[in-house]
């Protein structure tokens, strides 16, 4: 069977389509890499967030202990942090 030469316009159409497929594959690859990087960053953010939430709970516990200690020593009242004074409740 003899080969036939394709028309120039058909060859150009096939080449253009292949080029578009290559560009599409490249874009999909870039998006997959960007998605991977973003997912890694989200995992890091989630880890830091969990650490900060644990610290928040620890600080709340420390605050409760301090307030109980102050109440035991000074009784009920108001504390002014700016001037370091305590005003007893009436």
PDB file of N, CA and C in Angstrom:
ATOM      1  N   UNK A   1       0.834  -1.176   0.000  1.00  0.00           N
ATOM      2  CA  UNK A   1       0.000   0.000   0.000  1.00  0.00           C
ATOM      3  C   UNK A   1       0.880   1.241   0.000  1.00  0.00           C
ATOM      4  N   UNK A   2       0.579   2.146  -0.822  1.00  0.00           N
ATOM      5  CA  UNK A   2       1.373   3.361  -0.987  1.00  0.00           C
ATOM      6  C   UNK A   2       0.954   4.399   0.042  1.00  0.00           C
ATOM      7  N   UNK A   3       1.948   5.138   0.530  1.00  0.00           N
ATOM      8  CA  UNK A   3       1.640   6.208   1.475  1.00  0.00           C
ATOM      9  C   UNK A   3       1.211   7.455   0.716  1.00  0.00           C
ATOM     10  N   UNK A   4       0.373   8.220   1.396  1.00  0.00           N
ATOM     11  CA  UNK A   4      -0.106   9.464   0.803  1.00  0.00           C
ATOM     12  C   UNK A   4       0.379  10.629   1.662  1.00  0.00           C
ATOM     13  N   UNK A   5       0.680  11.673   1.038  1.00  0.00           N
ATOM     14  CA  UNK A   5       1.117  12.885   1.721  1.00  0.00           C
ATOM     15  C   UNK A   5      -0.123  13.625   2.208  1.00  0.00           C
ATOM     16  N   UNK A   6      -0.100  14.013   3.493  1.00  0.00           N
ATOM     17  CA  UNK A   6      -1.205  14.800   4.051  1.00  0.00           C
ATOM     18  C   UNK A   6      -1.131  16.227   3.529  1.00  0.00           C
ATOM     19  N   UNK A   7      -2.280  16.830   3.437  1.00  0.00           N
ATOM     20  CA  UNK A   7      -2.319  18.244   3.075  1.00  0.00           C
ATOM     21  C   UNK A   7      -1.649  19.051   4.192  1.00  0.00           C
ATOM     22  N   UNK A   8      -1.015  20.125   3.795  1.00  0.00           N
ATOM     23  CA  UNK A   8      -0.309  20.990   4.751  1.00  0.00           C
ATOM     24  C   UNK A   8      -1.243  21.468   5.861  1.00  0.00           C
ATOM     25  N   UNK A   9      -2.467  21.832   5.523  1.00  0.00           N
ATOM     26  CA  UNK A   9      -3.412  22.322   6.539  1.00  0.00           C
ATOM     27  C   UNK A   9      -3.761  21.227   7.549  1.00  0.00           C
ATOM     28  N   UNK A  10      -3.822  19.958   7.111  1.00  0.00           N
ATOM     29  CA  UNK A  10      -4.114  18.863   8.039  1.00  0.00           C
ATOM     30  C   UNK A  10      -2.931  18.612   8.974  1.00  0.00           C
ATOM     31  N   UNK A  11      -1.728  18.662   8.423  1.00  0.00           N
ATOM     32  CA  UNK A  11      -0.530  18.494   9.250  1.00  0.00           C
ATOM     33  C   UNK A  11      -0.465  19.610  10.287  1.00  0.00           C
ATOM     34  N   UNK A  12      -0.725  20.834   9.864  1.00  0.00           N
ATOM     35  CA  UNK A  12      -0.702  21.967  10.787  1.00  0.00           C
ATOM     36  C   UNK A  12      -1.788  21.840  11.853  1.00  0.00           C
ATOM     37  N   UNK A  13      -2.965  21.335  11.482  1.00  0.00           N
ATOM     38  CA  UNK A  13      -4.051  21.131  12.449  1.00  0.00           C
ATOM     39  C   UNK A  13      -3.659  20.091  13.488  1.00  0.00           C
ATOM     40  N   UNK A  14      -3.041  19.001  13.026  1.00  0.00           N
ATOM     41  CA  UNK A  14      -2.593  17.948  13.959  1.00  0.00           C
ATOM     42  C   UNK A  14      -1.500  18.495  14.879  1.00  0.00           C
ATOM     43  N   UNK A  15      -0.550  19.231  14.323  1.00  0.00           N
ATOM     44  CA  UNK A  15       0.524  19.808  15.132  1.00  0.00           C
ATOM     45  C   UNK A  15      -0.024  20.794  16.156  1.00  0.00           C
ATOM     46  N   UNK A  16      -0.991  21.608  15.759  1.00  0.00           N
ATOM     47  CA  UNK A  16      -1.596  22.579  16.673  1.00  0.00           C
ATOM     48  C   UNK A  16      -2.325  21.860  17.807  1.00  0.00           C
ATOM     49  N   UNK A  17      -3.020  20.798  17.471  1.00  0.00           N
ATOM     50  CA  UNK A  17      -3.738  20.031  18.486  1.00  0.00           C
ATOM     51  C   UNK A  17      -2.761  19.371  19.460  1.00  0.00           C
ATOM     52  N   UNK A  18      -1.685  18.793  18.926  1.00  0.00           N
ATOM     53  CA  UNK A  18      -0.667  18.193  19.798  1.00  0.00           C
ATOM     54  C   UNK A  18      -0.046  19.239  20.719  1.00  0.00           C
ATOM     55  N   UNK A  19       0.187  20.421  20.190  1.00  0.00           N
ATOM     56  CA  UNK A  19       0.747  21.498  20.991  1.00  0.00           C
ATOM     57  C   UNK A  19      -0.205  21.884  22.126  1.00  0.00           C
ATOM     58  N   UNK A  20      -1.491  21.922  21.800  1.00  0.00           N
ATOM     59  CA  UNK A  20      -2.488  22.253  22.831  1.00  0.00           C
ATOM     60  C   UNK A  20      -2.545  21.167  23.895  1.00  0.00           C
ATOM     61  N   UNK A  21      -2.445  19.889  23.485  1.00  0.00           N
ATOM     62  CA  UNK A  21      -2.407  18.790  24.449  1.00  0.00           C
ATOM     63  C   UNK A  21      -1.184  18.903  25.358  1.00  0.00           C
ATOM     64  N   UNK A  22      -0.024  19.234  24.776  1.00  0.00           N
ATOM     65  CA  UNK A  22       1.202  19.372  25.561  1.00  0.00           C
ATOM     66  C   UNK A  22       1.075  20.514  26.562  1.00  0.00           C
ATOM     67  N   UNK A  23       0.514  21.635  26.116  1.00  0.00           N
ATOM     68  CA  UNK A  23       0.311  22.775  27.017  1.00  0.00           C
ATOM     69  C   UNK A  23      -0.656  22.409  28.132  1.00  0.00           C
ATOM     70  N   UNK A  24      -1.708  21.684  27.781  1.00  0.00           N
ATOM     71  CA  UNK A  24      -2.696  21.243  28.765  1.00  0.00           C
ATOM     72  C   UNK A  24      -2.044  20.323  29.795  1.00  0.00           C
ATOM     73  N   UNK A  25      -1.232  19.380  29.352  1.00  0.00           N
ATOM     74  CA  UNK A  25      -0.544  18.459  30.261  1.00  0.00           C
ATOM     75  C   UNK A  25       0.415  19.221  31.173  1.00  0.00           C
ATOM     76  N   UNK A  26       1.098  20.202  30.611  1.00  0.00           N
ATOM     77  CA  UNK A  26       2.015  21.013  31.405  1.00  0.00           C
ATOM     78  C   UNK A  26       1.268  21.796  32.482  1.00  0.00           C
ATOM     79  N   UNK A  27       0.144  22.382  32.092  1.00  0.00           N
ATOM     80  CA  UNK A  27      -0.665  23.145  33.052  1.00  0.00           C
ATOM     81  C   UNK A  27      -1.198  22.232  34.156  1.00  0.00           C
ATOM     82  N   UNK A  28      -1.682  21.057  33.786  1.00  0.00           N
ATOM     83  CA  UNK A  28      -2.176  20.110  34.785  1.00  0.00           C
ATOM     84  C   UNK A  28      -1.063  19.688  35.748  1.00  0.00           C
ATOM     85  N   UNK A  29       0.135  19.481  35.207  1.00  0.00           N
ATOM     86  CA  UNK A  29       1.268  19.131  36.058  1.00  0.00           C
ATOM     87  C   UNK A  29       1.612  20.253  37.026  1.00  0.00           C
ATOM     88  N   UNK A  30       1.623  21.473  36.514  1.00  0.00           N
ATOM     89  CA  UNK A  30       1.917  22.625  37.386  1.00  0.00           C
ATOM     90  C   UNK A  30       0.867  22.770  38.480  1.00  0.00           C
ATOM     91  N   UNK A  31      -0.385  22.562  38.120  1.00  0.00           N
ATOM     92  CA  UNK A  31      -1.457  22.661  39.120  1.00  0.00           C
ATOM     93  C   UNK A  31      -1.328  21.580  40.179  1.00  0.00           C
ATOM     94  N   UNK A  32      -0.951  20.379  39.765  1.00  0.00           N
ATOM     95  CA  UNK A  32      -0.778  19.289  40.728  1.00  0.00           C
ATOM     96  C   UNK A  32       0.352  19.610  41.705  1.00  0.00           C
ATOM     97  N   UNK A  33       1.430  20.204  41.194  1.00  0.00           N
ATOM     98  CA  UNK A  33       2.545  20.579  42.067  1.00  0.00           C
ATOM     99  C   UNK A  33       2.116  21.689  43.024  1.00  0.00           C
ATOM    100  N   UNK A  34       1.428  22.697  42.514  1.00  0.00           N
ATOM    101  CA  UNK A  34       0.951  23.790  43.371  1.00  0.00           C
ATOM    102  C   UNK A  34       0.001  23.264  44.442  1.00  0.00           C
ATOM    103  N   UNK A  35      -0.867  22.340  44.066  1.00  0.00           N
ATOM    104  CA  UNK A  35      -1.798  21.737  45.023  1.00  0.00           C
ATOM    105  C   UNK A  35      -1.040  20.995  46.114  1.00  0.00           C
ATOM    106  N   UNK A  36      -0.003  20.266  45.736  1.00  0.00           N
ATOM    107  CA  UNK A  36       0.811  19.535  46.710  1.00  0.00           C
ATOM    108  C   UNK A  36       1.473  20.504  47.698  1.00  0.00           C
ATOM    109  N   UNK A  37       2.039  21.576  47.163  1.00  0.00           N
ATOM    110  CA  UNK A  37       2.704  22.571  48.019  1.00  0.00           C
ATOM    111  C   UNK A  37       1.689  23.205  48.969  1.00  0.00           C
ATOM    112  N   UNK A  38       0.527  23.576  48.454  1.00  0.00           N
ATOM    113  CA  UNK A  38      -0.502  24.190  49.300  1.00  0.00           C
ATOM    114  C   UNK A  38      -0.990  23.221  50.373  1.00  0.00           C
ATOM    115  N   UNK A  39      -1.152  21.954  50.017  1.00  0.00           N
ATOM    116  CA  UNK A  39      -1.568  20.963  51.013  1.00  0.00           C
ATOM    117  C   UNK A  39      -0.526  20.815  52.109  1.00  0.00           C
ATOM    118  N   UNK A  40       0.750  20.860  51.730  1.00  0.00           N
ATOM    119  CA  UNK A  40       1.819  20.798  52.729  1.00  0.00           C
ATOM    120  C   UNK A  40       1.758  22.007  53.659  1.00  0.00           C
ATOM    121  N   UNK A  41       1.531  23.178  53.084  1.00  0.00           N
ATOM    122  CA  UNK A  41       1.418  24.390  53.896  1.00  0.00           C
ATOM    123  C   UNK A  41       0.208  24.317  54.822  1.00  0.00           C
ATOM    124  N   UNK A  42      -0.907  23.792  54.320  1.00  0.00           N
ATOM    125  CA  UNK A  42      -2.101  23.656  55.160  1.00  0.00           C
ATOM    126  C   UNK A  42      -1.845  22.707  56.327  1.00  0.00           C
ATOM    127  N   UNK A  43      -1.096  21.635  56.089  1.00  0.00           N
ATOM    128  CA  UNK A  43      -0.758  20.706  57.177  1.00  0.00           C
ATOM    129  C   UNK A  43       0.091  21.409  58.228  1.00  0.00           C
ATOM    130  N   UNK A  44       1.053  22.219  57.767  1.00  0.00           N
ATOM    131  CA  UNK A  44       1.884  22.968  58.711  1.00  0.00           C
ATOM    132  C   UNK A  44       1.044  23.944  59.520  1.00  0.00           C
ATOM    133  N   UNK A  45       0.140  24.635  58.850  1.00  0.00           N
ATOM    134  CA  UNK A  45      -0.737  25.588  59.537  1.00  0.00           C
ATOM    135  C   UNK A  45      -1.596  24.852  60.563  1.00  0.00           C
ATOM    136  N   UNK A  46      -2.122  23.707  60.197  1.00  0.00           N
ATOM    137  CA  UNK A  46      -2.970  22.936  61.117  1.00  0.00           C
ATOM    138  C   UNK A  46      -2.169  22.491  62.339  1.00  0.00           C
ATOM    139  N   UNK A  47      -0.920  22.087  62.129  1.00  0.00           N
ATOM    140  CA  UNK A  47      -0.066  21.680  63.250  1.00  0.00           C
ATOM    141  C   UNK A  47       0.187  22.854  64.192  1.00  0.00           C
ATOM    142  N   UNK A  48       0.526  24.004  63.623  1.00  0.00           N
ATOM    143  CA  UNK A  48       0.772  25.196  64.440  1.00  0.00           C
ATOM    144  C   UNK A  48      -0.501  25.608  65.172  1.00  0.00           C
ATOM    145  N   UNK A  49      -1.631  25.540  64.480  1.00  0.00           N
ATOM    146  CA  UNK A  49      -2.915  25.896  65.091  1.00  0.00           C
ATOM    147  C   UNK A  49      -3.200  24.986  66.281  1.00  0.00           C
ATOM    148  N   UNK A  50      -2.991  23.685  66.123  1.00  0.00           N
ATOM    149  CA  UNK A  50      -3.227  22.747  67.229  1.00  0.00           C
ATOM    150  C   UNK A  50      -2.314  23.047  68.405  1.00  0.00           C
ATOM    151  N   UNK A  51      -1.048  23.353  68.124  1.00  0.00           N
ATOM    152  CA  UNK A  51      -0.116  23.711  69.194  1.00  0.00           C
ATOM    153  C   UNK A  51      -0.592  24.956  69.935  1.00  0.00           C
ATOM    154  N   UNK A  52      -1.059  25.942  69.196  1.00  0.00           N
ATOM    155  CA  UNK A  52      -1.524  27.189  69.814  1.00  0.00           C
ATOM    156  C   UNK A  52      -2.800  26.974  70.614  1.00  0.00           C
ATOM    157  N   UNK A  53      -3.682  26.097  70.144  1.00  0.00           N
ATOM    158  CA  UNK A  53      -4.899  25.788  70.904  1.00  0.00           C
ATOM    159  C   UNK A  53      -4.551  25.070  72.200  1.00  0.00           C
ATOM    160  N   UNK A  54      -3.563  24.167  72.151  1.00  0.00           N
ATOM    161  CA  UNK A  54      -3.122  23.497  73.382  1.00  0.00           C
ATOM    162  C   UNK A  54      -2.518  24.510  74.351  1.00  0.00           C
ATOM    163  N   UNK A  55      -1.710  25.439  73.822  1.00  0.00           N
ATOM    164  CA  UNK A  55      -1.134  26.485  74.660  1.00  0.00           C
ATOM    165  C   UNK A  55      -2.231  27.348  75.264  1.00  0.00           C
ATOM    166  N   UNK A  56      -3.260  27.672  74.475  1.00  0.00           N
ATOM    167  CA  UNK A  56      -4.389  28.460  74.970  1.00  0.00           C
ATOM    168  C   UNK A  56      -5.032  27.771  76.175  1.00  0.00           C
ATOM    169  N   UNK A  57      -5.249  26.468  76.061  1.00  0.00           N
ATOM    170  CA  UNK A  57      -5.854  25.725  77.178  1.00  0.00           C
ATOM    171  C   UNK A  57      -4.944  25.721  78.394  1.00  0.00           C
ATOM    172  N   UNK A  58      -3.644  25.606  78.179  1.00  0.00           N
ATOM    173  CA  UNK A  58      -2.687  25.653  79.290  1.00  0.00           C
ATOM    174  C   UNK A  58      -2.731  27.015  79.972  1.00  0.00           C
ATOM    175  N   UNK A  59      -2.753  28.069  79.172  1.00  0.00           N
ATOM    176  CA  UNK A  59      -2.808  29.428  79.718  1.00  0.00           C
ATOM    177  C   UNK A  59      -4.097  29.666  80.499  1.00  0.00           C
ATOM    178  N   UNK A  60      -5.202  29.142  79.977  1.00  0.00           N
ATOM    179  CA  UNK A  60      -6.470  29.286  80.716  1.00  0.00           C
ATOM    180  C   UNK A  60      -6.393  28.600  82.071  1.00  0.00           C
ATOM    181  N   UNK A  61      -5.750  27.431  82.110  1.00  0.00           N
ATOM    182  CA  UNK A  61      -5.567  26.729  83.383  1.00  0.00           C
ATOM    183  C   UNK A  61      -4.707  27.523  84.344  1.00  0.00           C
ATOM    184  N   UNK A  62      -3.620  28.101  83.820  1.00  0.00           N
ATOM    185  CA  UNK A  62      -2.747  28.927  84.650  1.00  0.00           C
ATOM    186  C   UNK A  62      -3.497  30.155  85.165  1.00  0.00           C
ATOM    187  N   UNK A  63      -4.322  30.748  84.319  1.00  0.00           N
ATOM    188  CA  UNK A  63      -5.110  31.909  84.724  1.00  0.00           C
ATOM    189  C   UNK A  63      -6.068  31.527  85.850  1.00  0.00           C
ATOM    190  N   UNK A  64      -6.726  30.406  85.711  1.00  0.00           N
ATOM    191  CA  UNK A  64      -7.665  29.962  86.749  1.00  0.00           C
ATOM    192  C   UNK A  64      -6.956  29.733  88.074  1.00  0.00           C
ATOM    193  N   UNK A  65      -5.773  29.109  88.008  1.00  0.00           N
ATOM    194  CA  UNK A  65      -5.007  28.868  89.234  1.00  0.00           C
ATOM    195  C   UNK A  65      -4.580  30.192  89.876  1.00  0.00           C
ATOM    196  N   UNK A  66      -4.127  31.124  89.058  1.00  0.00           N
ATOM    197  CA  UNK A  66      -3.703  32.425  89.574  1.00  0.00           C
ATOM    198  C   UNK A  66      -4.880  33.167  90.206  1.00  0.00           C
ATOM    199  N   UNK A  67      -6.014  33.175  89.524  1.00  0.00           N
ATOM    200  CA  UNK A  67      -7.186  33.872  90.056  1.00  0.00           C
ATOM    201  C   UNK A  67      -7.643  33.248  91.378  1.00  0.00           C
ATOM    202  N   UNK A  68      -7.592  31.933  91.470  1.00  0.00           N
ATOM    203  CA  UNK A  68      -7.967  31.271  92.722  1.00  0.00           C
ATOM    204  C   UNK A  68      -7.000  31.653  93.836  1.00  0.00           C
ATOM    205  N   UNK A  69      -5.707  31.731  93.515  1.00  0.00           N
ATOM    206  CA  UNK A  69      -4.695  32.113  94.493  1.00  0.00           C
ATOM    207  C   UNK A  69      -4.908  33.554  94.952  1.00  0.00           C
ATOM    208  N   UNK A  70      -5.190  34.457  94.008  1.00  0.00           N
ATOM    209  CA  UNK A  70      -5.422  35.856  94.356  1.00  0.00           C
ATOM    210  C   UNK A  70      -6.686  36.014  95.188  1.00  0.00           C
ATOM    211  N   UNK A  71      -7.712  35.271  94.834  1.00  0.00           N
ATOM    212  CA  UNK A  71      -8.969  35.341  95.585  1.00  0.00           C
ATOM    213  C   UNK A  71      -8.752  34.857  97.010  1.00  0.00           C
ATOM    214  N   UNK A  72      -7.944  33.788  97.165  1.00  0.00           N
ATOM    215  CA  UNK A  72      -7.664  33.257  98.502  1.00  0.00           C
ATOM    216  C   UNK A  72      -6.884  34.276  99.334  1.00  0.00           C
ATOM    217  N   UNK A  73      -5.965  34.972  98.694  1.00  0.00           N
ATOM    218  CA  UNK A  73      -5.139  35.929  99.432  1.00  0.00           C
ATOM    219  C   UNK A  73      -5.844  37.254  99.689  1.00  0.00           C
ATOM    220  N   UNK A  74      -6.555  37.790  98.661  1.00  0.00           N
ATOM    221  CA  UNK A  74      -7.130  39.121  98.772  1.00  0.00           C
ATOM    222  C   UNK A  74      -8.643  39.138  98.937  1.00  0.00           C
ATOM    223  N   UNK A  75      -9.303  38.027  98.654  1.00  0.00           N
ATOM    224  CA  UNK A  75     -10.755  37.983  98.725  1.00  0.00           C
ATOM    225  C   UNK A  75     -11.378  38.436  97.411  1.00  0.00           C
ATOM    226  N   UNK A  76     -12.686  38.692  97.449  1.00  0.00           N
ATOM    227  CA  UNK A  76     -13.410  39.153  96.264  1.00  0.00           C
ATOM    228  C   UNK A  76     -13.122  40.626  96.044  1.00  0.00           C
ATOM    229  N   UNK A  77     -12.992  41.015  94.786  1.00  0.00           N
ATOM    230  CA  UNK A  77     -12.765  42.429  94.489  1.00  0.00           C
ATOM    231  C   UNK A  77     -12.255  42.631  93.079  1.00  0.00           C
ATOM    232  N   UNK A  78     -11.741  43.836  92.849  1.00  0.00           N
ATOM    233  CA  UNK A  78     -11.252  44.245  91.534  1.00  0.00           C
ATOM    234  C   UNK A  78      -9.742  44.448  91.587  1.00  0.00           C
ATOM    235  N   UNK A  79      -9.062  43.993  90.544  1.00  0.00           N
ATOM    236  CA  UNK A  79      -7.619  44.193  90.424  1.00  0.00           C
ATOM    237  C   UNK A  79      -7.374  45.188  89.297  1.00  0.00           C
ATOM    238  N   UNK A  80      -6.542  46.187  89.584  1.00  0.00           N
ATOM    239  CA  UNK A  80      -6.134  47.152  88.565  1.00  0.00           C
ATOM    240  C   UNK A  80      -4.689  46.831  88.212  1.00  0.00           C
ATOM    241  N   UNK A  81      -4.486  46.259  87.043  1.00  0.00           N
ATOM    242  CA  UNK A  81      -3.153  45.848  86.616  1.00  0.00           C
ATOM    243  C   UNK A  81      -2.244  47.067  86.398  1.00  0.00           C
ATOM    244  N   UNK A  82      -2.796  48.181  85.878  1.00  0.00           N
ATOM    245  CA  UNK A  82      -1.986  49.359  85.564  1.00  0.00           C
ATOM    246  C   UNK A  82      -1.272  49.914  86.794  1.00  0.00           C
ATOM    247  N   UNK A  83      -2.003  50.027  87.909  1.00  0.00           N
ATOM    248  CA  UNK A  83      -1.338  50.598  89.102  1.00  0.00           C
ATOM    249  C   UNK A  83      -1.091  49.550  90.186  1.00  0.00           C
ATOM    250  N   UNK A  84      -1.413  48.289  89.923  1.00  0.00           N
ATOM    251  CA  UNK A  84      -1.110  47.219  90.866  1.00  0.00           C
ATOM    252  C   UNK A  84      -1.906  47.283  92.157  1.00  0.00           C
ATOM    253  N   UNK A  85      -3.165  47.715  92.078  1.00  0.00           N
ATOM    254  CA  UNK A  85      -3.970  47.838  93.295  1.00  0.00           C
ATOM    255  C   UNK A  85      -5.131  46.846  93.285  1.00  0.00           C
ATOM    256  N   UNK A  86      -5.636  46.608  94.496  1.00  0.00           N
ATOM    257  CA  UNK A  86      -6.797  45.741  94.685  1.00  0.00           C
ATOM    258  C   UNK A  86      -7.837  46.509  95.442  1.00  0.00           C
ATOM    259  N   UNK A  87      -9.062  46.477  94.922  1.00  0.00           N
ATOM    260  CA  UNK A  87     -10.188  47.135  95.597  1.00  0.00           C
ATOM    261  C   UNK A  87     -11.168  46.052  96.032  1.00  0.00           C
ATOM    262  N   UNK A  88     -11.334  45.875  97.367  1.00  0.00           N
ATOM    263  CA  UNK A  88     -12.250  44.832  97.850  1.00  0.00           C
ATOM    264  C   UNK A  88     -13.697  45.098  97.406  1.00  0.00           C
ATOM    265  N   UNK A  89     -14.435  44.004  97.211  1.00  0.00           N
ATOM    266  CA  UNK A  89     -15.857  44.118  96.879  1.00  0.00           C
ATOM    267  C   UNK A  89     -16.601  44.583  98.124  1.00  0.00           C
ATOM    268  N   UNK A  90     -17.657  45.346  97.910  1.00  0.00           N
ATOM    269  CA  UNK A  90     -18.413  45.867  99.048  1.00  0.00           C
ATOM    270  C   UNK A  90     -19.511  44.954  99.467  1.00  0.00           C
TER     271      UNK A  90
END
